[in-house]
Amino acid sequence: MTQRQIDRRLGQVDETLAQMAGLVAKAIALAVAGLKEPHPDLAAEARAIEEEVDSLDDALEQDCQELMALNAPVARDLRRLMGAMRVTLLLEDLGDEAESVARRGRFLARHAVVPRPPALLELADRVYHLYQQACVVVKTGDPALAREIFAAKPAASELGRHASAALAQSIRSDGDHAAEWSHLLRATERLRTMLERCKELTEEGYFLHHGTSVRHHHEKLA
C-alpha cells in the first residue's frame, strides 16, 4: 500500500471518529434532557445511538489493526492509529454512561419526578459542554482549549460532590421516594465518570496531534 493510500485510509479513520463523536454528543444531549424533563422514550433513543457507536467502533478497530499489521506505518501514522483506538474506547464508554443516565430519567418518568438538585443539573450541562470542547481538541489538538478544559474540571467535579451529598441526604430524609433519589444518585455518579472521560479524551486528543502525553502532567501543554 502506498503512502497516498495509507493517507486515504487514515482520513477514513478520522471521518469515522467524527461520526462516533457526533453520535455520542446526541446520546449525552438525550441523557441531559431526560434529567431535566424525564421522558420514558429517551432511554430507547440513547440505546439505539449506542448500538450505532458500537458498530462503528468495531469497524474502526478492525481498520486500525489492519493498517498497523499490513503496512508498517511510519511513526506519525502509527501514533494516529494508536490514538484513534484509544479515543474510540473513550467514546464508547461515554456513550454507555450516557445511556445509563438516560435510563435513570426513564425511571423517573414512570415513577415520581422528585426535584433534581441544582448542582446535578448544572453538572449535566457542564459535562455536555466539556465533551463538546474535548471533541474539538481531538479534531484540532488546540492546546489553549485543552488548558481551558483542564482548568474547568475542578469546579465541575465540585458540583458532582455537592450533588451526591444532597442526594444522599434526600435518601435519608425522604424514605418514601428512596428509589427515585437513588436513581438520581446513580445518574450523578455516571456524570462524574463522564467528566473524567472528557478529561481523558482531551489528553488523547492532544497526544493525537502533538505526540506528547500530558496525562497527569498538564503543564507540558504547548
C-alpha atoms as a PDB file:
ATOM      1  CA  MET A   1       0.000   0.000   0.000  1.00  0.00           C
ATOM      2  CA  THR A   2       1.411   3.394  -0.988  1.00  0.00           C
ATOM      3  CA  GLN A   3       1.626   6.336   1.407  1.00  0.00           C
ATOM      4  CA  ARG A   4      -1.137   8.034  -0.530  1.00  0.00           C
ATOM      5  CA  GLN A   5      -3.385   5.030   0.021  1.00  0.00           C
ATOM      6  CA  ILE A   6      -2.468   4.944   3.706  1.00  0.00           C
ATOM      7  CA  ASP A   7      -3.280   8.653   3.996  1.00  0.00           C
ATOM      8  CA  ARG A   8      -6.649   7.999   2.385  1.00  0.00           C
ATOM      9  CA  ARG A   9      -7.384   5.220   4.883  1.00  0.00           C
ATOM     10  CA  LEU A  10      -6.292   7.446   7.751  1.00  0.00           C
ATOM     11  CA  GLY A  11      -8.700  10.077   6.514  1.00  0.00           C
ATOM     12  CA  GLN A  12     -11.470   7.498   6.646  1.00  0.00           C
ATOM     13  CA  VAL A  13     -10.474   6.706  10.234  1.00  0.00           C
ATOM     14  CA  ASP A  14     -10.790  10.406  11.093  1.00  0.00           C
ATOM     15  CA  GLU A  15     -14.227  10.525   9.468  1.00  0.00           C
ATOM     16  CA  THR A  16     -15.396   7.529  11.489  1.00  0.00           C
ATOM     17  CA  LEU A  17     -14.108   9.121  14.693  1.00  0.00           C
ATOM     18  CA  ALA A  18     -16.028  12.295  13.890  1.00  0.00           C
ATOM     19  CA  GLN A  19     -19.178  10.273  13.227  1.00  0.00           C
ATOM     20  CA  MET A  20     -18.818   8.421  16.516  1.00  0.00           C
ATOM     21  CA  ALA A  21     -18.216  11.682  18.389  1.00  0.00           C
ATOM     22  CA  GLY A  22     -21.366  13.181  16.885  1.00  0.00           C
ATOM     23  CA  LEU A  23     -23.466  10.198  17.905  1.00  0.00           C
ATOM     24  CA  VAL A  24     -22.135  10.281  21.454  1.00  0.00           C
ATOM     25  CA  ALA A  25     -22.946  14.004  21.617  1.00  0.00           C
ATOM     26  CA  LYS A  26     -26.556  13.131  20.740  1.00  0.00           C
ATOM     27  CA  ALA A  27     -26.640  10.455  23.434  1.00  0.00           C
ATOM     28  CA  ILE A  28     -25.305  12.856  26.064  1.00  0.00           C
ATOM     29  CA  ALA A  29     -27.828  15.504  25.000  1.00  0.00           C
ATOM     30  CA  LEU A  30     -30.643  12.960  25.418  1.00  0.00           C
ATOM     31  CA  ALA A  31     -29.340  11.997  28.854  1.00  0.00           C
ATOM     32  CA  VAL A  32     -29.212  15.638  29.978  1.00  0.00           C
ATOM     33  CA  ALA A  33     -32.696  16.283  28.603  1.00  0.00           C
ATOM     34  CA  GLY A  34     -34.003  13.219  30.443  1.00  0.00           C
ATOM     35  CA  LEU A  35     -32.738  14.574  33.750  1.00  0.00           C
ATOM     36  CA  LYS A  36     -34.304  17.975  33.200  1.00  0.00           C
ATOM     37  CA  GLU A  37     -37.597  16.705  31.766  1.00  0.00           C
ATOM     38  CA  PRO A  38     -37.901  12.933  32.376  1.00  0.00           C
ATOM     39  CA  HIS A  39     -39.399  11.065  29.420  1.00  0.00           C
ATOM     40  CA  PRO A  40     -39.857   7.292  29.049  1.00  0.00           C
ATOM     41  CA  ASP A  41     -38.720   7.159  25.409  1.00  0.00           C
ATOM     42  CA  LEU A  42     -35.338   8.860  25.717  1.00  0.00           C
ATOM     43  CA  ALA A  43     -33.565   5.763  27.047  1.00  0.00           C
ATOM     44  CA  ALA A  44     -34.554   3.761  23.967  1.00  0.00           C
ATOM     45  CA  GLU A  45     -33.230   6.530  21.726  1.00  0.00           C
ATOM     46  CA  ALA A  46     -29.960   6.598  23.646  1.00  0.00           C
ATOM     47  CA  ARG A  47     -29.689   2.803  23.373  1.00  0.00           C
ATOM     48  CA  ALA A  48     -30.187   2.930  19.600  1.00  0.00           C
ATOM     49  CA  ILE A  49     -27.425   5.515  19.340  1.00  0.00           C
ATOM     50  CA  GLU A  50     -25.115   3.403  21.483  1.00  0.00           C
ATOM     51  CA  GLU A  51     -25.641   0.427  19.180  1.00  0.00           C
ATOM     52  CA  GLU A  52     -24.548   2.603  16.235  1.00  0.00           C
ATOM     53  CA  VAL A  53     -21.479   3.690  18.199  1.00  0.00           C
ATOM     54  CA  ASP A  54     -20.607   0.059  18.978  1.00  0.00           C
ATOM     55  CA  SER A  55     -20.879  -0.869  15.317  1.00  0.00           C
ATOM     56  CA  LEU A  56     -18.626   1.985  14.226  1.00  0.00           C
ATOM     57  CA  ASP A  57     -16.161   1.141  16.991  1.00  0.00           C
ATOM     58  CA  ASP A  58     -15.857  -2.450  15.768  1.00  0.00           C
ATOM     59  CA  ALA A  59     -15.279  -1.331  12.178  1.00  0.00           C
ATOM     60  CA  LEU A  60     -12.735   1.313  13.130  1.00  0.00           C
ATOM     61  CA  GLU A  61     -10.767  -1.045  15.353  1.00  0.00           C
ATOM     62  CA  GLN A  62     -10.571  -3.566  12.536  1.00  0.00           C
ATOM     63  CA  ASP A  63      -9.367  -0.883  10.103  1.00  0.00           C
ATOM     64  CA  CYS A  64      -6.698   0.361  12.522  1.00  0.00           C
ATOM     65  CA  GLN A  65      -5.431  -3.129  13.263  1.00  0.00           C
ATOM     66  CA  GLU A  66      -5.265  -3.950   9.564  1.00  0.00           C
ATOM     67  CA  LEU A  67      -3.320  -0.795   8.772  1.00  0.00           C
ATOM     68  CA  MET A  68      -0.862  -1.456  11.588  1.00  0.00           C
ATOM     69  CA  ALA A  69      -0.407  -5.131  10.759  1.00  0.00           C
ATOM     70  CA  LEU A  70      -0.099  -4.972   6.980  1.00  0.00           C
ATOM     71  CA  ASN A  71       1.505  -1.651   6.146  1.00  0.00           C
ATOM     72  CA  ALA A  72       4.282  -0.942   8.680  1.00  0.00           C
ATOM     73  CA  PRO A  73       3.146   2.682   9.149  1.00  0.00           C
ATOM     74  CA  VAL A  74       5.692   5.376   9.902  1.00  0.00           C
ATOM     75  CA  ALA A  75       5.870   6.695  13.474  1.00  0.00           C
ATOM     76  CA  ARG A  76       3.489   9.593  12.859  1.00  0.00           C
ATOM     77  CA  ASP A  77       0.848   7.371  11.274  1.00  0.00           C
ATOM     78  CA  LEU A  78       1.267   4.730  13.968  1.00  0.00           C
ATOM     79  CA  ARG A  79       0.612   7.389  16.600  1.00  0.00           C
ATOM     80  CA  ARG A  80      -2.562   8.421  14.814  1.00  0.00           C
ATOM     81  CA  LEU A  81      -3.792   4.837  14.664  1.00  0.00           C
ATOM     82  CA  MET A  82      -2.998   4.065  18.284  1.00  0.00           C
ATOM     83  CA  GLY A  83      -4.513   7.358  19.385  1.00  0.00           C
ATOM     84  CA  ALA A  84      -7.638   6.729  17.333  1.00  0.00           C
ATOM     85  CA  MET A  85      -8.150   3.355  19.003  1.00  0.00           C
ATOM     86  CA  ARG A  86      -7.828   4.900  22.458  1.00  0.00           C
ATOM     87  CA  VAL A  87     -10.262   7.676  21.511  1.00  0.00           C
ATOM     88  CA  THR A  88     -12.831   5.145  20.325  1.00  0.00           C
ATOM     89  CA  LEU A  89     -12.645   3.345  23.671  1.00  0.00           C
ATOM     90  CA  LEU A  90     -13.389   6.597  25.459  1.00  0.00           C
ATOM     91  CA  LEU A  91     -16.219   7.476  23.090  1.00  0.00           C
ATOM     92  CA  GLU A  92     -17.781   4.068  23.562  1.00  0.00           C
ATOM     93  CA  ASP A  93     -17.501   4.411  27.334  1.00  0.00           C
ATOM     94  CA  LEU A  94     -19.082   7.868  27.229  1.00  0.00           C
ATOM     95  CA  GLY A  95     -21.930   6.504  25.139  1.00  0.00           C
ATOM     96  CA  ASP A  96     -22.509   3.698  27.644  1.00  0.00           C
ATOM     97  CA  GLU A  97     -22.585   6.155  30.534  1.00  0.00           C
ATOM     98  CA  ALA A  98     -24.983   8.460  28.689  1.00  0.00           C
ATOM     99  CA  GLU A  99     -27.343   5.546  28.070  1.00  0.00           C
ATOM    100  CA  SER A 100     -27.244   4.697  31.773  1.00  0.00           C
ATOM    101  CA  VAL A 101     -28.141   8.288  32.723  1.00  0.00           C
ATOM    102  CA  ALA A 102     -30.997   8.209  30.217  1.00  0.00           C
ATOM    103  CA  ARG A 103     -32.329   5.057  31.893  1.00  0.00           C
ATOM    104  CA  ARG A 104     -32.467   6.943  35.200  1.00  0.00           C
ATOM    105  CA  GLY A 105     -34.574   9.597  33.507  1.00  0.00           C
ATOM    106  CA  ARG A 106     -36.883   6.884  32.170  1.00  0.00           C
ATOM    107  CA  PHE A 107     -37.346   5.520  35.703  1.00  0.00           C
ATOM    108  CA  LEU A 108     -38.304   8.960  36.996  1.00  0.00           C
ATOM    109  CA  ALA A 109     -40.769   9.435  34.137  1.00  0.00           C
ATOM    110  CA  ARG A 110     -42.509   6.197  35.139  1.00  0.00           C
ATOM    111  CA  HIS A 111     -42.493   6.962  38.860  1.00  0.00           C
ATOM    112  CA  ALA A 112     -42.417  10.125  40.954  1.00  0.00           C
ATOM    113  CA  VAL A 113     -40.459  13.000  39.461  1.00  0.00           C
ATOM    114  CA  VAL A 114     -38.632  14.309  42.523  1.00  0.00           C
ATOM    115  CA  PRO A 115     -36.811  17.653  42.466  1.00  0.00           C
ATOM    116  CA  ARG A 116     -33.355  17.475  40.935  1.00  0.00           C
ATOM    117  CA  PRO A 117     -30.620  19.265  42.869  1.00  0.00           C
ATOM    118  CA  PRO A 118     -29.437  22.368  41.005  1.00  0.00           C
ATOM    119  CA  ALA A 119     -25.866  21.069  41.280  1.00  0.00           C
ATOM    120  CA  LEU A 120     -26.877  17.914  39.402  1.00  0.00           C
ATOM    121  CA  LEU A 121     -28.469  19.811  36.525  1.00  0.00           C
ATOM    122  CA  GLU A 122     -25.508  22.168  36.299  1.00  0.00           C
ATOM    123  CA  LEU A 123     -23.125  19.199  36.339  1.00  0.00           C
ATOM    124  CA  ALA A 124     -25.031  17.624  33.448  1.00  0.00           C
ATOM    125  CA  ASP A 125     -24.731  20.824  31.414  1.00  0.00           C
ATOM    126  CA  ARG A 126     -21.023  21.097  32.229  1.00  0.00           C
ATOM    127  CA  VAL A 127     -20.370  17.524  31.139  1.00  0.00           C
ATOM    128  CA  TYR A 128     -22.062  18.142  27.791  1.00  0.00           C
ATOM    129  CA  HIS A 129     -20.140  21.377  27.263  1.00  0.00           C
ATOM    130  CA  LEU A 130     -16.777  19.867  28.219  1.00  0.00           C
ATOM    131  CA  TYR A 131     -17.455  16.893  25.966  1.00  0.00           C
ATOM    132  CA  GLN A 132     -18.047  19.185  23.009  1.00  0.00           C
ATOM    133  CA  GLN A 133     -14.824  21.037  23.778  1.00  0.00           C
ATOM    134  CA  ALA A 134     -12.888  17.770  24.151  1.00  0.00           C
ATOM    135  CA  CYS A 135     -14.086  16.695  20.704  1.00  0.00           C
ATOM    136  CA  VAL A 136     -12.660  19.899  19.252  1.00  0.00           C
ATOM    137  CA  VAL A 137      -9.294  19.054  20.847  1.00  0.00           C
ATOM    138  CA  VAL A 138      -9.491  15.575  19.297  1.00  0.00           C
ATOM    139  CA  LYS A 139     -10.091  17.179  15.915  1.00  0.00           C
ATOM    140  CA  THR A 140      -7.592  20.052  16.145  1.00  0.00           C
ATOM    141  CA  GLY A 141      -5.205  19.434  19.046  1.00  0.00           C
ATOM    142  CA  ASP A 142      -5.822  23.017  20.232  1.00  0.00           C
ATOM    143  CA  PRO A 143      -3.594  23.456  23.339  1.00  0.00           C
ATOM    144  CA  ALA A 144      -5.397  26.597  24.543  1.00  0.00           C
ATOM    145  CA  LEU A 145      -8.726  24.775  24.561  1.00  0.00           C
ATOM    146  CA  ALA A 146      -7.138  21.772  26.291  1.00  0.00           C
ATOM    147  CA  ARG A 147      -5.886  24.090  29.044  1.00  0.00           C
ATOM    148  CA  GLU A 148      -9.375  25.572  29.355  1.00  0.00           C
ATOM    149  CA  ILE A 149     -10.890  22.112  29.814  1.00  0.00           C
ATOM    150  CA  PHE A 150      -8.352  21.103  32.447  1.00  0.00           C
ATOM    151  CA  ALA A 151      -8.897  24.393  34.283  1.00  0.00           C
ATOM    152  CA  ALA A 152     -12.694  23.943  34.289  1.00  0.00           C
ATOM    153  CA  LYS A 153     -12.696  20.373  35.554  1.00  0.00           C
ATOM    154  CA  PRO A 154     -12.118  21.011  39.314  1.00  0.00           C
ATOM    155  CA  ALA A 155     -15.205  23.237  39.586  1.00  0.00           C
ATOM    156  CA  ALA A 156     -17.279  20.669  37.694  1.00  0.00           C
ATOM    157  CA  SER A 157     -16.002  17.927  39.993  1.00  0.00           C
ATOM    158  CA  GLU A 158     -17.071  20.002  42.982  1.00  0.00           C
ATOM    159  CA  LEU A 159     -20.581  20.217  41.528  1.00  0.00           C
ATOM    160  CA  GLY A 160     -20.618  16.433  41.401  1.00  0.00           C
ATOM    161  CA  ARG A 161     -19.629  16.172  45.057  1.00  0.00           C
ATOM    162  CA  HIS A 162     -22.334  18.656  46.065  1.00  0.00           C
ATOM    163  CA  ALA A 163     -24.980  16.820  44.040  1.00  0.00           C
ATOM    164  CA  SER A 164     -24.024  13.450  45.516  1.00  0.00           C
ATOM    165  CA  ALA A 165     -24.121  14.821  49.055  1.00  0.00           C
ATOM    166  CA  ALA A 166     -27.523  16.453  48.508  1.00  0.00           C
ATOM    167  CA  LEU A 167     -28.998  13.262  47.070  1.00  0.00           C
ATOM    168  CA  ALA A 168     -27.584  11.099  49.847  1.00  0.00           C
ATOM    169  CA  GLN A 169     -29.280  13.417  52.342  1.00  0.00           C
ATOM    170  CA  SER A 170     -32.564  13.173  50.418  1.00  0.00           C
ATOM    171  CA  ILE A 171     -32.421   9.374  50.537  1.00  0.00           C
ATOM    172  CA  ARG A 172     -32.069   9.529  54.331  1.00  0.00           C
ATOM    173  CA  SER A 173     -34.780  12.134  54.863  1.00  0.00           C
ATOM    174  CA  ASP A 174     -37.396  11.015  52.311  1.00  0.00           C
ATOM    175  CA  GLY A 175     -37.737   7.248  52.518  1.00  0.00           C
ATOM    176  CA  ASP A 176     -40.988   7.279  50.549  1.00  0.00           C
ATOM    177  CA  HIS A 177     -39.049   8.254  47.439  1.00  0.00           C
ATOM    178  CA  ALA A 178     -35.783   6.480  48.208  1.00  0.00           C
ATOM    179  CA  ALA A 179     -35.823   4.666  44.851  1.00  0.00           C
ATOM    180  CA  GLU A 180     -36.171   7.900  42.908  1.00  0.00           C
ATOM    181  CA  TRP A 181     -33.413   9.628  44.871  1.00  0.00           C
ATOM    182  CA  SER A 182     -31.196   6.559  44.427  1.00  0.00           C
ATOM    183  CA  HIS A 183     -31.621   6.656  40.667  1.00  0.00           C
ATOM    184  CA  LEU A 184     -30.624  10.306  40.655  1.00  0.00           C
ATOM    185  CA  LEU A 185     -27.604   9.485  42.791  1.00  0.00           C
ATOM    186  CA  ARG A 186     -26.553   6.804  40.314  1.00  0.00           C
ATOM    187  CA  ALA A 187     -27.050   9.277  37.470  1.00  0.00           C
ATOM    188  CA  THR A 188     -24.788  11.703  39.316  1.00  0.00           C
ATOM    189  CA  GLU A 189     -22.064   9.082  39.675  1.00  0.00           C
ATOM    190  CA  ARG A 190     -22.318   8.326  35.959  1.00  0.00           C
ATOM    191  CA  LEU A 191     -21.954  12.003  35.144  1.00  0.00           C
ATOM    192  CA  ARG A 192     -18.895  12.236  37.377  1.00  0.00           C
ATOM    193  CA  THR A 193     -17.387   9.322  35.480  1.00  0.00           C
ATOM    194  CA  MET A 194     -18.195  11.066  32.204  1.00  0.00           C
ATOM    195  CA  LEU A 195     -16.393  14.137  33.476  1.00  0.00           C
ATOM    196  CA  GLU A 196     -13.252  12.060  33.950  1.00  0.00           C
ATOM    197  CA  ARG A 197     -13.636  10.569  30.490  1.00  0.00           C
ATOM    198  CA  CYS A 198     -13.857  14.071  28.994  1.00  0.00           C
ATOM    199  CA  LYS A 199     -10.531  14.908  30.608  1.00  0.00           C
ATOM    200  CA  GLU A 200      -9.010  11.703  29.260  1.00  0.00           C
ATOM    201  CA  LEU A 201     -10.470  12.418  25.827  1.00  0.00           C
ATOM    202  CA  THR A 202      -8.780  15.814  25.884  1.00  0.00           C
ATOM    203  CA  GLU A 203      -5.469  14.215  26.822  1.00  0.00           C
ATOM    204  CA  GLU A 204      -5.746  11.683  23.999  1.00  0.00           C
ATOM    205  CA  GLY A 205      -6.739  14.378  21.524  1.00  0.00           C
ATOM    206  CA  TYR A 206      -3.665  16.396  22.403  1.00  0.00           C
ATOM    207  CA  PHE A 207      -1.432  13.334  22.069  1.00  0.00           C
ATOM    208  CA  LEU A 208      -3.009  12.517  18.714  1.00  0.00           C
ATOM    209  CA  HIS A 209      -1.807  15.805  17.227  1.00  0.00           C
ATOM    210  CA  HIS A 210       1.353  16.601  19.180  1.00  0.00           C
ATOM    211  CA  GLY A 211       2.775  13.217  20.141  1.00  0.00           C
ATOM    212  CA  THR A 212       3.206  14.356  23.747  1.00  0.00           C
ATOM    213  CA  SER A 213       1.456  12.654  26.629  1.00  0.00           C
ATOM    214  CA  VAL A 214       0.071  15.164  29.131  1.00  0.00           C
ATOM    215  CA  ARG A 215      -1.672  12.599  31.327  1.00  0.00           C
ATOM    216  CA  HIS A 216      -1.075  13.779  34.917  1.00  0.00           C
ATOM    217  CA  HIS A 217       1.304  16.426  33.501  1.00  0.00           C
ATOM    218  CA  HIS A 218      -0.875  19.180  32.065  1.00  0.00           C
ATOM    219  CA  GLU A 219       1.978  21.648  32.483  1.00  0.00           C
ATOM    220  CA  LYS A 220       3.532  20.016  29.380  1.00  0.00           C
ATOM    221  CA  LEU A 221       0.908  21.607  27.166  1.00  0.00           C
ATOM    222  CA  ALA A 222       2.470  23.702  24.421  1.00  0.00           C
END
